[in-house]
Amino acid sequence: MVTDPQQACFEAGIKFGSLYHQFAGTPLSPESAPSLERAMAEAIENQPFCEAVDVDIDEEALAEAADDHGYVELTGRFMEVQMRIVYEGVTVRTEMVMEDGYPLMQVVAVE
């Protein structure tokens, strides 16, 4: 039997997998970053049990990495993400952080 906290953590993982793999590789410039932040958050917030998503794309890092055409492909190194998932009264807070050049999604708290 799966507990409510375990199911809430599973739901958080599904949301992160969806967010990252749906948007990774998107052509992005510093000018288009704010609209993509909103689109990513709003898309994931449509999923069940997702209470809040905060996406922050580092526009300065984008500008530094941009190619001759002024854009770069979105990867985890350009963004910070936090999510709050609520399942059956259990709140899971998560975040994506870079570790050794790799984006890791992790549970911050289960309340």
PDB file of N, CA and C in Angstrom:
ATOM      1  N   MET A   1       0.839  -1.183   0.000  1.00  0.00           N
ATOM      2  CA  MET A   1       0.000   0.000   0.000  1.00  0.00           C
ATOM      3  C   MET A   1       0.886   1.249   0.000  1.00  0.00           C
ATOM      4  N   VAL A   2       0.566   2.166  -0.835  1.00  0.00           N
ATOM      5  CA  VAL A   2       1.312   3.416  -0.943  1.00  0.00           C
ATOM      6  C   VAL A   2       0.700   4.436   0.019  1.00  0.00           C
ATOM      7  N   THR A   3       1.548   5.122   0.773  1.00  0.00           N
ATOM      8  CA  THR A   3       1.066   6.149   1.694  1.00  0.00           C
ATOM      9  C   THR A   3       0.796   7.449   0.944  1.00  0.00           C
ATOM     10  N   ASP A   4       0.009   8.332   1.561  1.00  0.00           N
ATOM     11  CA  ASP A   4      -0.261   9.630   0.939  1.00  0.00           C
ATOM     12  C   ASP A   4       1.026  10.433   0.720  1.00  0.00           C
ATOM     13  N   PRO A   5       1.963  10.489   1.673  1.00  0.00           N
ATOM     14  CA  PRO A   5       3.219  11.197   1.412  1.00  0.00           C
ATOM     15  C   PRO A   5       4.008  10.591   0.243  1.00  0.00           C
ATOM     16  N   GLN A   6       4.010   9.271   0.146  1.00  0.00           N
ATOM     17  CA  GLN A   6       4.708   8.640  -0.984  1.00  0.00           C
ATOM     18  C   GLN A   6       4.041   9.006  -2.304  1.00  0.00           C
ATOM     19  N   GLN A   7       2.723   8.984  -2.343  1.00  0.00           N
ATOM     20  CA  GLN A   7       2.005   9.331  -3.568  1.00  0.00           C
ATOM     21  C   GLN A   7       2.231  10.800  -3.918  1.00  0.00           C
ATOM     22  N   ALA A   8       2.260  11.660  -2.914  1.00  0.00           N
ATOM     23  CA  ALA A   8       2.505  13.088  -3.156  1.00  0.00           C
ATOM     24  C   ALA A   8       3.894  13.294  -3.755  1.00  0.00           C
ATOM     25  N   CYS A   9       4.885  12.569  -3.254  1.00  0.00           N
ATOM     26  CA  CYS A   9       6.243  12.665  -3.808  1.00  0.00           C
ATOM     27  C   CYS A   9       6.278  12.133  -5.240  1.00  0.00           C
ATOM     28  N   PHE A  10       5.563  11.059  -5.503  1.00  0.00           N
ATOM     29  CA  PHE A  10       5.469  10.526  -6.857  1.00  0.00           C
ATOM     30  C   PHE A  10       4.864  11.572  -7.795  1.00  0.00           C
ATOM     31  N   GLU A  11       3.792  12.212  -7.361  1.00  0.00           N
ATOM     32  CA  GLU A  11       3.152  13.255  -8.173  1.00  0.00           C
ATOM     33  C   GLU A  11       4.139  14.385  -8.475  1.00  0.00           C
ATOM     34  N   ALA A  12       4.943  14.755  -7.496  1.00  0.00           N
ATOM     35  CA  ALA A  12       5.945  15.799  -7.713  1.00  0.00           C
ATOM     36  C   ALA A  12       6.945  15.365  -8.784  1.00  0.00           C
ATOM     37  N   GLY A  13       7.373  14.119  -8.734  1.00  0.00           N
ATOM     38  CA  GLY A  13       8.305  13.610  -9.735  1.00  0.00           C
ATOM     39  C   GLY A  13       7.723  13.635 -11.128  1.00  0.00           C
ATOM     40  N   ILE A  14       6.453  13.283 -11.249  1.00  0.00           N
ATOM     41  CA  ILE A  14       5.783  13.312 -12.547  1.00  0.00           C
ATOM     42  C   ILE A  14       5.771  14.738 -13.098  1.00  0.00           C
ATOM     43  N   LYS A  15       5.472  15.693 -12.245  1.00  0.00           N
ATOM     44  CA  LYS A  15       5.407  17.090 -12.693  1.00  0.00           C
ATOM     45  C   LYS A  15       6.780  17.574 -13.163  1.00  0.00           C
ATOM     46  N   PHE A  16       7.836  17.237 -12.406  1.00  0.00           N
ATOM     47  CA  PHE A  16       9.179  17.658 -12.807  1.00  0.00           C
ATOM     48  C   PHE A  16       9.603  17.002 -14.118  1.00  0.00           C
ATOM     49  N   GLY A  17       9.333  15.718 -14.259  1.00  0.00           N
ATOM     50  CA  GLY A  17       9.680  15.035 -15.498  1.00  0.00           C
ATOM     51  C   GLY A  17       8.978  15.657 -16.686  1.00  0.00           C
ATOM     52  N   SER A  18       7.724  15.974 -16.500  1.00  0.00           N
ATOM     53  CA  SER A  18       6.946  16.606 -17.558  1.00  0.00           C
ATOM     54  C   SER A  18       7.512  17.982 -17.902  1.00  0.00           C
ATOM     55  N   LEU A  19       7.764  18.778 -16.887  1.00  0.00           N
ATOM     56  CA  LEU A  19       8.287  20.128 -17.121  1.00  0.00           C
ATOM     57  C   LEU A  19       9.621  20.080 -17.853  1.00  0.00           C
ATOM     58  N   TYR A  20      10.546  19.306 -17.325  1.00  0.00           N
ATOM     59  CA  TYR A  20      11.885  19.322 -17.892  1.00  0.00           C
ATOM     60  C   TYR A  20      11.910  18.760 -19.309  1.00  0.00           C
ATOM     61  N   HIS A  21      11.310  17.621 -19.498  1.00  0.00           N
ATOM     62  CA  HIS A  21      11.434  16.962 -20.802  1.00  0.00           C
ATOM     63  C   HIS A  21      10.511  17.548 -21.861  1.00  0.00           C
ATOM     64  N   GLN A  22       9.495  18.252 -21.439  1.00  0.00           N
ATOM     65  CA  GLN A  22       8.631  18.932 -22.400  1.00  0.00           C
ATOM     66  C   GLN A  22       9.303  20.186 -22.951  1.00  0.00           C
ATOM     67  N   PHE A  23      10.071  20.893 -22.120  1.00  0.00           N
ATOM     68  CA  PHE A  23      10.598  22.191 -22.527  1.00  0.00           C
ATOM     69  C   PHE A  23      12.096  22.202 -22.816  1.00  0.00           C
ATOM     70  N   ALA A  24      12.843  21.196 -22.392  1.00  0.00           N
ATOM     71  CA  ALA A  24      14.286  21.157 -22.690  1.00  0.00           C
ATOM     72  C   ALA A  24      14.472  21.181 -24.204  1.00  0.00           C
ATOM     73  N   GLY A  25      15.389  22.000 -24.640  1.00  0.00           N
ATOM     74  CA  GLY A  25      15.664  22.120 -26.068  1.00  0.00           C
ATOM     75  C   GLY A  25      14.907  23.251 -26.745  1.00  0.00           C
ATOM     76  N   THR A  26      14.022  23.909 -26.021  1.00  0.00           N
ATOM     77  CA  THR A  26      13.269  25.022 -26.594  1.00  0.00           C
ATOM     78  C   THR A  26      14.223  26.161 -26.939  1.00  0.00           C
ATOM     79  N   PRO A  27      14.151  26.691 -28.166  1.00  0.00           N
ATOM     80  CA  PRO A  27      14.979  27.857 -28.506  1.00  0.00           C
ATOM     81  C   PRO A  27      14.558  29.041 -27.630  1.00  0.00           C
ATOM     82  N   LEU A  28      15.546  29.709 -27.047  1.00  0.00           N
ATOM     83  CA  LEU A  28      15.246  30.718 -26.040  1.00  0.00           C
ATOM     84  C   LEU A  28      16.242  31.865 -26.111  1.00  0.00           C
ATOM     85  N   SER A  29      15.730  33.076 -25.961  1.00  0.00           N
ATOM     86  CA  SER A  29      16.582  34.266 -25.887  1.00  0.00           C
ATOM     87  C   SER A  29      16.244  34.991 -24.584  1.00  0.00           C
ATOM     88  N   PRO A  30      17.092  35.929 -24.174  1.00  0.00           N
ATOM     89  CA  PRO A  30      16.764  36.690 -22.966  1.00  0.00           C
ATOM     90  C   PRO A  30      15.410  37.400 -23.086  1.00  0.00           C
ATOM     91  N   GLU A  31      15.070  37.831 -24.287  1.00  0.00           N
ATOM     92  CA  GLU A  31      13.805  38.547 -24.485  1.00  0.00           C
ATOM     93  C   GLU A  31      12.589  37.628 -24.364  1.00  0.00           C
ATOM     94  N   SER A  32      12.735  36.370 -24.756  1.00  0.00           N
ATOM     95  CA  SER A  32      11.590  35.457 -24.710  1.00  0.00           C
ATOM     96  C   SER A  32      11.503  34.686 -23.391  1.00  0.00           C
ATOM     97  N   ALA A  33      12.490  34.817 -22.526  1.00  0.00           N
ATOM     98  CA  ALA A  33      12.513  34.057 -21.270  1.00  0.00           C
ATOM     99  C   ALA A  33      11.282  34.298 -20.390  1.00  0.00           C
ATOM    100  N   PRO A  34      10.856  35.541 -20.164  1.00  0.00           N
ATOM    101  CA  PRO A  34       9.696  35.734 -19.281  1.00  0.00           C
ATOM    102  C   PRO A  34       8.426  35.036 -19.772  1.00  0.00           C
ATOM    103  N   SER A  35       8.190  35.057 -21.069  1.00  0.00           N
ATOM    104  CA  SER A  35       6.975  34.406 -21.565  1.00  0.00           C
ATOM    105  C   SER A  35       7.083  32.891 -21.446  1.00  0.00           C
ATOM    106  N   LEU A  36       8.289  32.340 -21.619  1.00  0.00           N
ATOM    107  CA  LEU A  36       8.457  30.900 -21.463  1.00  0.00           C
ATOM    108  C   LEU A  36       8.321  30.500 -19.993  1.00  0.00           C
ATOM    109  N   GLU A  37       8.829  31.317 -19.082  1.00  0.00           N
ATOM    110  CA  GLU A  37       8.653  31.042 -17.649  1.00  0.00           C
ATOM    111  C   GLU A  37       7.167  30.881 -17.327  1.00  0.00           C
ATOM    112  N   ARG A  38       6.365  31.834 -17.796  1.00  0.00           N
ATOM    113  CA  ARG A  38       4.926  31.787 -17.526  1.00  0.00           C
ATOM    114  C   ARG A  38       4.279  30.568 -18.176  1.00  0.00           C
ATOM    115  N   ALA A  39       4.640  30.291 -19.424  1.00  0.00           N
ATOM    116  CA  ALA A  39       4.047  29.151 -20.137  1.00  0.00           C
ATOM    117  C   ALA A  39       4.382  27.837 -19.441  1.00  0.00           C
ATOM    118  N   MET A  40       5.614  27.692 -18.996  1.00  0.00           N
ATOM    119  CA  MET A  40       6.014  26.465 -18.314  1.00  0.00           C
ATOM    120  C   MET A  40       5.217  26.284 -17.014  1.00  0.00           C
ATOM    121  N   ALA A  41       5.162  27.335 -16.216  1.00  0.00           N
ATOM    122  CA  ALA A  41       4.442  27.260 -14.944  1.00  0.00           C
ATOM    123  C   ALA A  41       2.965  26.962 -15.172  1.00  0.00           C
ATOM    124  N   GLU A  42       2.350  27.680 -16.097  1.00  0.00           N
ATOM    125  CA  GLU A  42       0.921  27.488 -16.334  1.00  0.00           C
ATOM    126  C   GLU A  42       0.618  26.102 -16.896  1.00  0.00           C
ATOM    127  N   ALA A  43       1.484  25.579 -17.738  1.00  0.00           N
ATOM    128  CA  ALA A  43       1.263  24.245 -18.299  1.00  0.00           C
ATOM    129  C   ALA A  43       1.307  23.178 -17.216  1.00  0.00           C
ATOM    130  N   ILE A  44       2.290  23.251 -16.347  1.00  0.00           N
ATOM    131  CA  ILE A  44       2.431  22.231 -15.309  1.00  0.00           C
ATOM    132  C   ILE A  44       1.358  22.384 -14.237  1.00  0.00           C
ATOM    133  N   GLU A  45       0.964  23.614 -13.943  1.00  0.00           N
ATOM    134  CA  GLU A  45      -0.086  23.836 -12.948  1.00  0.00           C
ATOM    135  C   GLU A  45      -1.428  23.253 -13.379  1.00  0.00           C
ATOM    136  N   ASN A  46      -1.602  22.950 -14.659  1.00  0.00           N
ATOM    137  CA  ASN A  46      -2.825  22.296 -15.130  1.00  0.00           C
ATOM    138  C   ASN A  46      -2.951  20.869 -14.620  1.00  0.00           C
ATOM    139  N   GLN A  47      -1.855  20.253 -14.250  1.00  0.00           N
ATOM    140  CA  GLN A  47      -1.873  18.857 -13.838  1.00  0.00           C
ATOM    141  C   GLN A  47      -2.485  18.697 -12.448  1.00  0.00           C
ATOM    142  N   PRO A  48      -3.114  17.540 -12.214  1.00  0.00           N
ATOM    143  CA  PRO A  48      -3.741  17.306 -10.904  1.00  0.00           C
ATOM    144  C   PRO A  48      -2.737  17.425  -9.757  1.00  0.00           C
ATOM    145  N   PHE A  49      -3.223  17.972  -8.659  1.00  0.00           N
ATOM    146  CA  PHE A  49      -2.491  18.078  -7.386  1.00  0.00           C
ATOM    147  C   PHE A  49      -1.379  19.133  -7.403  1.00  0.00           C
ATOM    148  N   CYS A  50      -1.186  19.816  -8.501  1.00  0.00           N
ATOM    149  CA  CYS A  50      -0.134  20.828  -8.593  1.00  0.00           C
ATOM    150  C   CYS A  50      -0.712  22.165  -8.145  1.00  0.00           C
ATOM    151  N   GLU A  51      -0.219  22.666  -7.027  1.00  0.00           N
ATOM    152  CA  GLU A  51      -0.717  23.917  -6.464  1.00  0.00           C
ATOM    153  C   GLU A  51       0.042  25.136  -6.968  1.00  0.00           C
ATOM    154  N   ALA A  52       1.345  25.002  -7.178  1.00  0.00           N
ATOM    155  CA  ALA A  52       2.133  26.160  -7.602  1.00  0.00           C
ATOM    156  C   ALA A  52       3.424  25.702  -8.258  1.00  0.00           C
ATOM    157  N   VAL A  53       3.819  26.447  -9.278  1.00  0.00           N
ATOM    158  CA  VAL A  53       5.088  26.226  -9.966  1.00  0.00           C
ATOM    159  C   VAL A  53       5.730  27.590 -10.150  1.00  0.00           C
ATOM    160  N   ASP A  54       6.991  27.682  -9.813  1.00  0.00           N
ATOM    161  CA  ASP A  54       7.749  28.921 -10.026  1.00  0.00           C
ATOM    162  C   ASP A  54       8.964  28.585 -10.880  1.00  0.00           C
ATOM    163  N   VAL A  55       9.025  29.185 -12.060  1.00  0.00           N
ATOM    164  CA  VAL A  55      10.146  28.978 -12.976  1.00  0.00           C
ATOM    165  C   VAL A  55      10.884  30.303 -13.111  1.00  0.00           C
ATOM    166  N   ASP A  56      12.178  30.275 -12.869  1.00  0.00           N
ATOM    167  CA  ASP A  56      13.010  31.464 -13.001  1.00  0.00           C
ATOM    168  C   ASP A  56      14.138  31.145 -13.975  1.00  0.00           C
ATOM    169  N   ILE A  57      14.088  31.764 -15.147  1.00  0.00           N
ATOM    170  CA  ILE A  57      15.124  31.561 -16.164  1.00  0.00           C
ATOM    171  C   ILE A  57      16.146  32.679 -16.037  1.00  0.00           C
ATOM    172  N   ASP A  58      17.403  32.313 -15.984  1.00  0.00           N
ATOM    173  CA  ASP A  58      18.506  33.252 -15.804  1.00  0.00           C
ATOM    174  C   ASP A  58      18.818  33.942 -17.132  1.00  0.00           C
ATOM    175  N   GLU A  59      18.255  35.116 -17.314  1.00  0.00           N
ATOM    176  CA  GLU A  59      18.405  35.847 -18.571  1.00  0.00           C
ATOM    177  C   GLU A  59      19.850  36.272 -18.824  1.00  0.00           C
ATOM    178  N   GLU A  60      20.581  36.571 -17.771  1.00  0.00           N
ATOM    179  CA  GLU A  60      21.989  36.950 -17.926  1.00  0.00           C
ATOM    180  C   GLU A  60      22.802  35.780 -18.462  1.00  0.00           C
ATOM    181  N   ALA A  61      22.571  34.597 -17.918  1.00  0.00           N
ATOM    182  CA  ALA A  61      23.279  33.405 -18.402  1.00  0.00           C
ATOM    183  C   ALA A  61      22.898  33.092 -19.840  1.00  0.00           C
ATOM    184  N   LEU A  62      21.631  33.324 -20.192  1.00  0.00           N
ATOM    185  CA  LEU A  62      21.201  33.120 -21.582  1.00  0.00           C
ATOM    186  C   LEU A  62      21.969  34.044 -22.516  1.00  0.00           C
ATOM    187  N   ALA A  63      22.072  35.307 -22.131  1.00  0.00           N
ATOM    188  CA  ALA A  63      22.761  36.284 -22.968  1.00  0.00           C
ATOM    189  C   ALA A  63      24.221  35.911 -23.170  1.00  0.00           C
ATOM    190  N   GLU A  64      24.855  35.420 -22.121  1.00  0.00           N
ATOM    191  CA  GLU A  64      26.255  35.015 -22.219  1.00  0.00           C
ATOM    192  C   GLU A  64      26.448  33.794 -23.106  1.00  0.00           C
ATOM    193  N   ALA A  65      25.468  32.903 -23.112  1.00  0.00           N
ATOM    194  CA  ALA A  65      25.594  31.645 -23.850  1.00  0.00           C
ATOM    195  C   ALA A  65      25.009  31.706 -25.261  1.00  0.00           C
ATOM    196  N   ALA A  66      24.314  32.780 -25.583  1.00  0.00           N
ATOM    197  CA  ALA A  66      23.620  32.869 -26.868  1.00  0.00           C
ATOM    198  C   ALA A  66      24.589  32.740 -28.042  1.00  0.00           C
ATOM    199  N   ASP A  67      24.098  32.103 -29.089  1.00  0.00           N
ATOM    200  CA  ASP A  67      24.908  31.938 -30.298  1.00  0.00           C
ATOM    201  C   ASP A  67      24.823  33.193 -31.167  1.00  0.00           C
ATOM    202  N   ASP A  68      25.351  33.113 -32.371  1.00  0.00           N
ATOM    203  CA  ASP A  68      25.364  34.265 -33.279  1.00  0.00           C
ATOM    204  C   ASP A  68      23.962  34.729 -33.666  1.00  0.00           C
ATOM    205  N   HIS A  69      22.970  33.876 -33.478  1.00  0.00           N
ATOM    206  CA  HIS A  69      21.589  34.232 -33.815  1.00  0.00           C
ATOM    207  C   HIS A  69      20.832  34.771 -32.613  1.00  0.00           C
ATOM    208  N   GLY A  70      21.493  34.847 -31.462  1.00  0.00           N
ATOM    209  CA  GLY A  70      20.901  35.453 -30.280  1.00  0.00           C
ATOM    210  C   GLY A  70      20.086  34.530 -29.405  1.00  0.00           C
ATOM    211  N   TYR A  71      20.219  33.224 -29.613  1.00  0.00           N
ATOM    212  CA  TYR A  71      19.455  32.326 -28.753  1.00  0.00           C
ATOM    213  C   TYR A  71      20.280  31.115 -28.352  1.00  0.00           C
ATOM    214  N   VAL A  72      19.721  30.354 -27.427  1.00  0.00           N
ATOM    215  CA  VAL A  72      20.332  29.137 -26.915  1.00  0.00           C
ATOM    216  C   VAL A  72      19.198  28.138 -26.680  1.00  0.00           C
ATOM    217  N   GLU A  73      19.515  26.862 -26.596  1.00  0.00           N
ATOM    218  CA  GLU A  73      18.501  25.869 -26.256  1.00  0.00           C
ATOM    219  C   GLU A  73      18.393  25.765 -24.743  1.00  0.00           C
ATOM    220  N   LEU A  74      17.172  25.712 -24.258  1.00  0.00           N
ATOM    221  CA  LEU A  74      16.923  25.645 -22.821  1.00  0.00           C
ATOM    222  C   LEU A  74      17.434  24.325 -22.238  1.00  0.00           C
ATOM    223  N   THR A  75      18.197  24.445 -21.167  1.00  0.00           N
ATOM    224  CA  THR A  75      18.627  23.298 -20.372  1.00  0.00           C
ATOM    225  C   THR A  75      18.476  23.688 -18.899  1.00  0.00           C
ATOM    226  N   GLY A  76      18.689  22.728 -18.042  1.00  0.00           N
ATOM    227  CA  GLY A  76      18.559  22.974 -16.615  1.00  0.00           C
ATOM    228  C   GLY A  76      19.502  24.024 -16.077  1.00  0.00           C
ATOM    229  N   ARG A  77      20.632  24.218 -16.743  1.00  0.00           N
ATOM    230  CA  ARG A  77      21.598  25.186 -16.210  1.00  0.00           C
ATOM    231  C   ARG A  77      21.097  26.625 -16.279  1.00  0.00           C
ATOM    232  N   PHE A  78      20.050  26.866 -17.061  1.00  0.00           N
ATOM    233  CA  PHE A  78      19.523  28.218 -17.210  1.00  0.00           C
ATOM    234  C   PHE A  78      18.313  28.503 -16.335  1.00  0.00           C
ATOM    235  N   MET A  79      17.865  27.536 -15.543  1.00  0.00           N
ATOM    236  CA  MET A  79      16.634  27.792 -14.794  1.00  0.00           C
ATOM    237  C   MET A  79      16.661  27.206 -13.391  1.00  0.00           C
ATOM    238  N   GLU A  80      15.867  27.843 -12.550  1.00  0.00           N
ATOM    239  CA  GLU A  80      15.572  27.341 -11.216  1.00  0.00           C
ATOM    240  C   GLU A  80      14.072  27.112 -11.166  1.00  0.00           C
ATOM    241  N   VAL A  81      13.676  26.003 -10.572  1.00  0.00           N
ATOM    242  CA  VAL A  81      12.259  25.658 -10.515  1.00  0.00           C
ATOM    243  C   VAL A  81      11.912  25.199  -9.111  1.00  0.00           C
ATOM    244  N   GLN A  82      10.790  25.686  -8.609  1.00  0.00           N
ATOM    245  CA  GLN A  82      10.224  25.203  -7.359  1.00  0.00           C
ATOM    246  C   GLN A  82       8.770  24.816  -7.639  1.00  0.00           C
ATOM    247  N   MET A  83       8.318  23.763  -6.974  1.00  0.00           N
ATOM    248  CA  MET A  83       6.929  23.328  -7.104  1.00  0.00           C
ATOM    249  C   MET A  83       6.360  23.000  -5.735  1.00  0.00           C
ATOM    250  N   ARG A  84       5.044  23.171  -5.655  1.00  0.00           N
ATOM    251  CA  ARG A  84       4.317  22.748  -4.467  1.00  0.00           C
ATOM    252  C   ARG A  84       3.185  21.833  -4.924  1.00  0.00           C
ATOM    253  N   ILE A  85       3.209  20.605  -4.447  1.00  0.00           N
ATOM    254  CA  ILE A  85       2.218  19.593  -4.780  1.00  0.00           C
ATOM    255  C   ILE A  85       1.424  19.283  -3.514  1.00  0.00           C
ATOM    256  N   VAL A  86       0.101  19.196  -3.637  1.00  0.00           N
ATOM    257  CA  VAL A  86      -0.740  18.858  -2.496  1.00  0.00           C
ATOM    258  C   VAL A  86      -1.588  17.650  -2.875  1.00  0.00           C
ATOM    259  N   TYR A  87      -1.424  16.581  -2.099  1.00  0.00           N
ATOM    260  CA  TYR A  87      -2.170  15.348  -2.332  1.00  0.00           C
ATOM    261  C   TYR A  87      -2.727  14.857  -1.008  1.00  0.00           C
ATOM    262  N   GLU A  88      -4.059  14.780  -0.925  1.00  0.00           N
ATOM    263  CA  GLU A  88      -4.727  14.254   0.278  1.00  0.00           C
ATOM    264  C   GLU A  88      -4.203  14.905   1.565  1.00  0.00           C
ATOM    265  N   GLY A  89      -4.047  16.220   1.530  1.00  0.00           N
ATOM    266  CA  GLY A  89      -3.604  16.949   2.706  1.00  0.00           C
ATOM    267  C   GLY A  89      -2.103  16.952   2.952  1.00  0.00           C
ATOM    268  N   VAL A  90      -1.339  16.286   2.091  1.00  0.00           N
ATOM    269  CA  VAL A  90       0.125  16.258   2.207  1.00  0.00           C
ATOM    270  C   VAL A  90       0.695  17.249   1.200  1.00  0.00           C
ATOM    271  N   THR A  91       1.546  18.151   1.670  1.00  0.00           N
ATOM    272  CA  THR A  91       2.200  19.119   0.799  1.00  0.00           C
ATOM    273  C   THR A  91       3.647  18.698   0.589  1.00  0.00           C
ATOM    274  N   VAL A  92       4.042  18.650  -0.673  1.00  0.00           N
ATOM    275  CA  VAL A  92       5.432  18.347  -1.026  1.00  0.00           C
ATOM    276  C   VAL A  92       6.004  19.574  -1.709  1.00  0.00           C
ATOM    277  N   ARG A  93       7.123  20.045  -1.187  1.00  0.00           N
ATOM    278  CA  ARG A  93       7.842  21.175  -1.786  1.00  0.00           C
ATOM    279  C   ARG A  93       9.092  20.614  -2.452  1.00  0.00           C
ATOM    280  N   THR A  94       9.306  21.028  -3.691  1.00  0.00           N
ATOM    281  CA  THR A  94      10.423  20.498  -4.470  1.00  0.00           C
ATOM    282  C   THR A  94      11.182  21.636  -5.129  1.00  0.00           C
ATOM    283  N   GLU A  95      12.375  21.304  -5.599  1.00  0.00           N
ATOM    284  CA  GLU A  95      13.145  22.276  -6.368  1.00  0.00           C
ATOM    285  C   GLU A  95      14.088  21.545  -7.314  1.00  0.00           C
ATOM    286  N   MET A  96      14.493  22.265  -8.334  1.00  0.00           N
ATOM    287  CA  MET A  96      15.502  21.751  -9.248  1.00  0.00           C
ATOM    288  C   MET A  96      16.757  22.574  -9.043  1.00  0.00           C
ATOM    289  N   VAL A  97      17.860  21.884  -8.807  1.00  0.00           N
ATOM    290  CA  VAL A  97      19.142  22.544  -8.611  1.00  0.00           C
ATOM    291  C   VAL A  97      20.187  21.866  -9.484  1.00  0.00           C
ATOM    292  N   MET A  98      21.207  22.611  -9.839  1.00  0.00           N
ATOM    293  CA  MET A  98      22.307  22.047 -10.610  1.00  0.00           C
ATOM    294  C   MET A  98      23.317  21.443  -9.648  1.00  0.00           C
ATOM    295  N   GLU A  99      23.738  20.243  -9.936  1.00  0.00           N
ATOM    296  CA  GLU A  99      24.769  19.584  -9.152  1.00  0.00           C
ATOM    297  C   GLU A  99      25.755  18.935 -10.106  1.00  0.00           C
ATOM    298  N   ASP A 100      26.994  19.393 -10.063  1.00  0.00           N
ATOM    299  CA  ASP A 100      28.037  18.889 -10.955  1.00  0.00           C
ATOM    300  C   ASP A 100      27.623  18.986 -12.423  1.00  0.00           C
ATOM    301  N   GLY A 101      26.958  20.092 -12.769  1.00  0.00           N
ATOM    302  CA  GLY A 101      26.561  20.326 -14.153  1.00  0.00           C
ATOM    303  C   GLY A 101      25.323  19.580 -14.601  1.00  0.00           C
ATOM    304  N   TYR A 102      24.600  18.961 -13.668  1.00  0.00           N
ATOM    305  CA  TYR A 102      23.426  18.174 -14.012  1.00  0.00           C
ATOM    306  C   TYR A 102      22.221  18.682 -13.228  1.00  0.00           C
ATOM    307  N   PRO A 103      21.051  18.855 -13.876  1.00  0.00           N
ATOM    308  CA  PRO A 103      19.871  19.325 -13.143  1.00  0.00           C
ATOM    309  C   PRO A 103      19.245  18.191 -12.326  1.00  0.00           C
ATOM    310  N   LEU A 104      19.227  18.367 -11.018  1.00  0.00           N
ATOM    311  CA  LEU A 104      18.628  17.369 -10.136  1.00  0.00           C
ATOM    312  C   LEU A 104      17.351  17.920  -9.533  1.00  0.00           C
ATOM    313  N   MET A 105      16.308  17.125  -9.610  1.00  0.00           N
ATOM    314  CA  MET A 105      15.051  17.476  -8.986  1.00  0.00           C
ATOM    315  C   MET A 105      15.037  16.812  -7.617  1.00  0.00           C
ATOM    316  N   GLN A 106      14.664  17.590  -6.597  1.00  0.00           N
ATOM    317  CA  GLN A 106      14.711  17.005  -5.258  1.00  0.00           C
ATOM    318  C   GLN A 106      13.544  17.476  -4.399  1.00  0.00           C
ATOM    319  N   VAL A 107      13.183  16.619  -3.463  1.00  0.00           N
ATOM    320  CA  VAL A 107      12.168  16.969  -2.477  1.00  0.00           C
ATOM    321  C   VAL A 107      12.840  17.817  -1.407  1.00  0.00           C
ATOM    322  N   VAL A 108      12.250  18.955  -1.114  1.00  0.00           N
ATOM    323  CA  VAL A 108      12.768  19.857  -0.086  1.00  0.00           C
ATOM    324  C   VAL A 108      12.064  19.598   1.241  1.00  0.00           C
ATOM    325  N   ALA A 109      10.742  19.359   1.179  1.00  0.00           N
ATOM    326  CA  ALA A 109       9.983  19.122   2.405  1.00  0.00           C
ATOM    327  C   ALA A 109       8.712  18.352   2.088  1.00  0.00           C
ATOM    328  N   VAL A 110       8.311  17.539   3.044  1.00  0.00           N
ATOM    329  CA  VAL A 110       7.028  16.848   3.008  1.00  0.00           C
ATOM    330  C   VAL A 110       6.310  17.250   4.285  1.00  0.00           C
ATOM    331  N   GLU A 111       5.184  17.917   4.124  1.00  0.00           N
ATOM    332  CA  GLU A 111       4.471  18.471   5.293  1.00  0.00           C
ATOM    333  C   GLU A 111       3.085  17.870   5.391  1.00  0.00           C
TER     334      GLU A 111
END
